[in-house]
Amino acid sequence: MFCDYIRRPELFHASEGYEDRHTDHGDRKVLYREAIAALCASRDRDELVAEMMAAGIPICPVYTPDEAVRSSAAEERDLIDWIEHPTQGRIAQLGHPLQATGLGDLHQRASPELGADTVDILLELGFDEATIAAVTSHQIK
């Protein structure tokens, strides 16, 4: 069906089984990649997805990270938590996978700034205050 849709029937081999269609197609992988690349370059992504879905061909769009967090799929599944970051503003963060069950911590916070916990970690690791001050330029309170 896919090969007919892209007008490349020579890519289809009746001897291929279901398992073969879930491989890289061995020696023929270059032909498949070229055909798929040409198809993708010929149309707008969303237009192509709509056409293929209408033709009954399983497909889903490949989103940029920004598109993915704002997608209807992410929203419908409540996959993204929006949190306020102290320097970056409102940012997306993956929701806890168990939050729908009530087991996840719904009070997630933004990650710390780079180096924000350095002194505490070095102290916990047993470094003395003079060494920490020398390597971090931080005075220990």
Protein backbone atom coordinates (compact mmCIF):
# COMPACT_ATOMS: atom_id res chain seq x y z
CA MET A 1 0.00 0.00 0.00
CA PHE A 2 2.75 2.46 0.97
CA CYS A 3 4.84 1.65 -2.09
CA ASP A 4 1.80 2.17 -4.32
CA TYR A 5 1.00 5.46 -2.56
CA ILE A 6 4.48 6.84 -3.21
CA ARG A 7 4.39 5.47 -6.77
CA ARG A 8 7.33 3.15 -6.16
CA PRO A 9 5.76 -0.30 -6.64
CA GLU A 10 9.18 -1.79 -7.43
CA LEU A 11 10.06 -1.44 -3.74
CA PHE A 12 7.39 -3.99 -2.82
CA HIS A 13 8.29 -7.67 -2.88
CA ALA A 14 5.57 -10.26 -2.38
CA SER A 15 8.09 -12.51 -0.67
CA GLU A 16 8.50 -10.01 2.17
CA GLY A 17 6.72 -10.99 5.33
CA TYR A 18 5.49 -8.84 8.19
CA GLU A 19 8.82 -9.27 10.00
CA ASP A 20 10.76 -8.07 6.95
CA ARG A 21 8.83 -4.82 6.89
CA HIS A 22 10.11 -4.00 10.36
CA THR A 23 13.78 -4.10 9.39
CA ASP A 24 16.10 -1.73 7.55
CA HIS A 25 15.49 -3.79 4.35
CA GLY A 26 19.11 -4.94 4.14
CA ASP A 27 20.70 -4.30 0.75
CA ARG A 28 17.63 -2.34 -0.37
CA LYS A 29 17.67 0.15 2.51
CA VAL A 30 19.27 2.87 0.36
CA LEU A 31 16.38 2.62 -2.12
CA TYR A 32 13.83 2.95 0.68
CA ARG A 33 15.64 5.88 2.30
CA GLU A 34 15.92 7.71 -1.02
CA ALA A 35 12.23 7.13 -1.78
CA ILE A 36 11.10 8.30 1.66
CA ALA A 37 13.45 11.31 1.59
CA ALA A 38 12.11 12.35 -1.82
CA LEU A 39 8.52 11.98 -0.61
CA CYS A 40 9.15 14.04 2.52
CA ALA A 41 10.94 16.76 0.56
CA SER A 42 8.05 17.02 -1.90
CA ARG A 43 5.39 18.19 0.55
CA ASP A 44 4.71 20.03 3.74
CA ARG A 45 4.88 17.65 6.72
CA ASP A 46 1.35 18.24 7.97
CA GLU A 47 -0.10 18.02 4.46
CA LEU A 48 1.70 14.72 3.86
CA VAL A 49 0.53 13.27 7.20
CA ALA A 50 -3.08 14.24 6.44
CA GLU A 51 -2.91 12.71 2.94
CA MET A 52 -1.39 9.46 4.16
CA MET A 53 -3.84 9.13 7.04
CA ALA A 54 -6.71 9.68 4.58
CA ALA A 55 -5.22 6.92 2.41
CA GLY A 56 -5.17 4.55 5.41
CA ILE A 57 -1.38 4.51 5.73
CA PRO A 58 -0.17 4.54 9.35
CA ILE A 59 1.92 7.64 9.99
CA CYS A 60 2.57 10.25 12.61
CA PRO A 61 4.41 13.55 12.32
CA VAL A 62 7.90 14.01 13.69
CA TYR A 63 7.78 17.17 15.75
CA THR A 64 10.42 19.59 16.87
CA PRO A 65 10.80 19.60 20.67
CA ASP A 66 8.76 22.81 20.90
CA GLU A 67 5.98 21.35 18.72
CA ALA A 68 5.99 18.11 20.71
CA VAL A 69 5.33 19.75 24.08
CA ARG A 70 2.52 21.81 22.57
CA SER A 71 0.98 18.96 20.56
CA SER A 72 -2.58 17.76 21.07
CA ALA A 73 -1.21 14.29 21.86
CA ALA A 74 0.87 15.64 24.76
CA GLU A 75 -2.01 17.78 25.97
CA GLU A 76 -4.62 15.00 25.77
CA ARG A 77 -2.37 12.66 27.74
CA ASP A 78 -1.39 15.36 30.25
CA LEU A 79 2.29 14.63 29.60
CA ILE A 80 3.67 18.12 30.13
CA ASP A 81 3.80 20.27 33.24
CA TRP A 82 4.45 23.97 32.73
CA ILE A 83 6.52 25.47 35.49
CA GLU A 84 8.04 28.88 36.17
CA HIS A 85 11.82 28.92 35.99
CA PRO A 86 13.55 31.76 37.85
CA THR A 87 15.62 32.87 34.83
CA GLN A 88 14.02 31.21 31.79
CA GLY A 89 10.36 31.98 32.44
CA ARG A 90 7.64 29.45 31.74
CA ILE A 91 9.15 26.13 30.62
CA ALA A 92 7.84 22.69 29.76
CA GLN A 93 8.77 19.71 31.89
CA LEU A 94 7.73 16.11 31.44
CA GLY A 95 5.02 15.24 33.90
CA HIS A 96 5.52 12.47 36.40
CA PRO A 97 4.40 9.22 34.73
CA LEU A 98 2.41 8.20 37.82
CA GLN A 99 0.64 11.50 38.41
CA ALA A 100 -2.59 10.21 36.85
CA THR A 101 -2.67 7.50 39.52
CA GLY A 102 -2.19 10.01 42.31
CA LEU A 103 1.25 8.60 43.13
CA GLY A 104 3.33 11.27 41.43
CA ASP A 105 4.59 14.48 43.01
CA LEU A 106 2.53 17.20 41.38
CA HIS A 107 4.70 19.93 42.93
CA GLN A 108 7.66 19.74 40.61
CA ARG A 109 10.05 22.62 40.54
CA ALA A 110 12.50 23.97 38.02
CA SER A 111 15.99 22.55 37.92
CA PRO A 112 18.60 24.60 39.73
CA GLU A 113 20.89 26.94 37.85
CA LEU A 114 24.26 25.53 36.83
CA GLY A 115 26.47 25.38 39.90
CA ALA A 116 23.74 26.33 42.37
CA ASP A 117 24.37 23.25 44.52
CA THR A 118 28.12 22.92 44.00
CA VAL A 119 29.15 24.02 47.49
CA ASP A 120 26.62 21.79 49.24
CA ILE A 121 27.65 18.77 47.15
CA LEU A 122 31.35 19.34 47.75
CA LEU A 123 30.74 19.70 51.48
CA GLU A 124 28.74 16.47 51.45
CA LEU A 125 31.62 14.76 49.64
CA GLY A 126 33.95 15.79 52.43
CA PHE A 127 35.92 18.63 50.90
CA ASP A 128 37.10 21.24 53.37
CA GLU A 129 35.95 24.86 53.19
CA ALA A 130 39.34 26.19 52.06
CA THR A 131 39.51 23.76 49.13
CA ILE A 132 35.94 24.56 48.10
CA ALA A 133 36.60 28.29 48.27
CA ALA A 134 39.75 27.83 46.16
CA VAL A 135 38.07 25.84 43.38
CA THR A 136 34.74 27.65 43.29
CA SER A 137 35.50 31.22 44.34
CA HIS A 138 32.65 30.86 46.87
CA GLN A 139 32.93 31.87 50.47
CA ILE A 140 31.29 29.35 52.78
CA LYS A 141 28.84 30.90 55.24
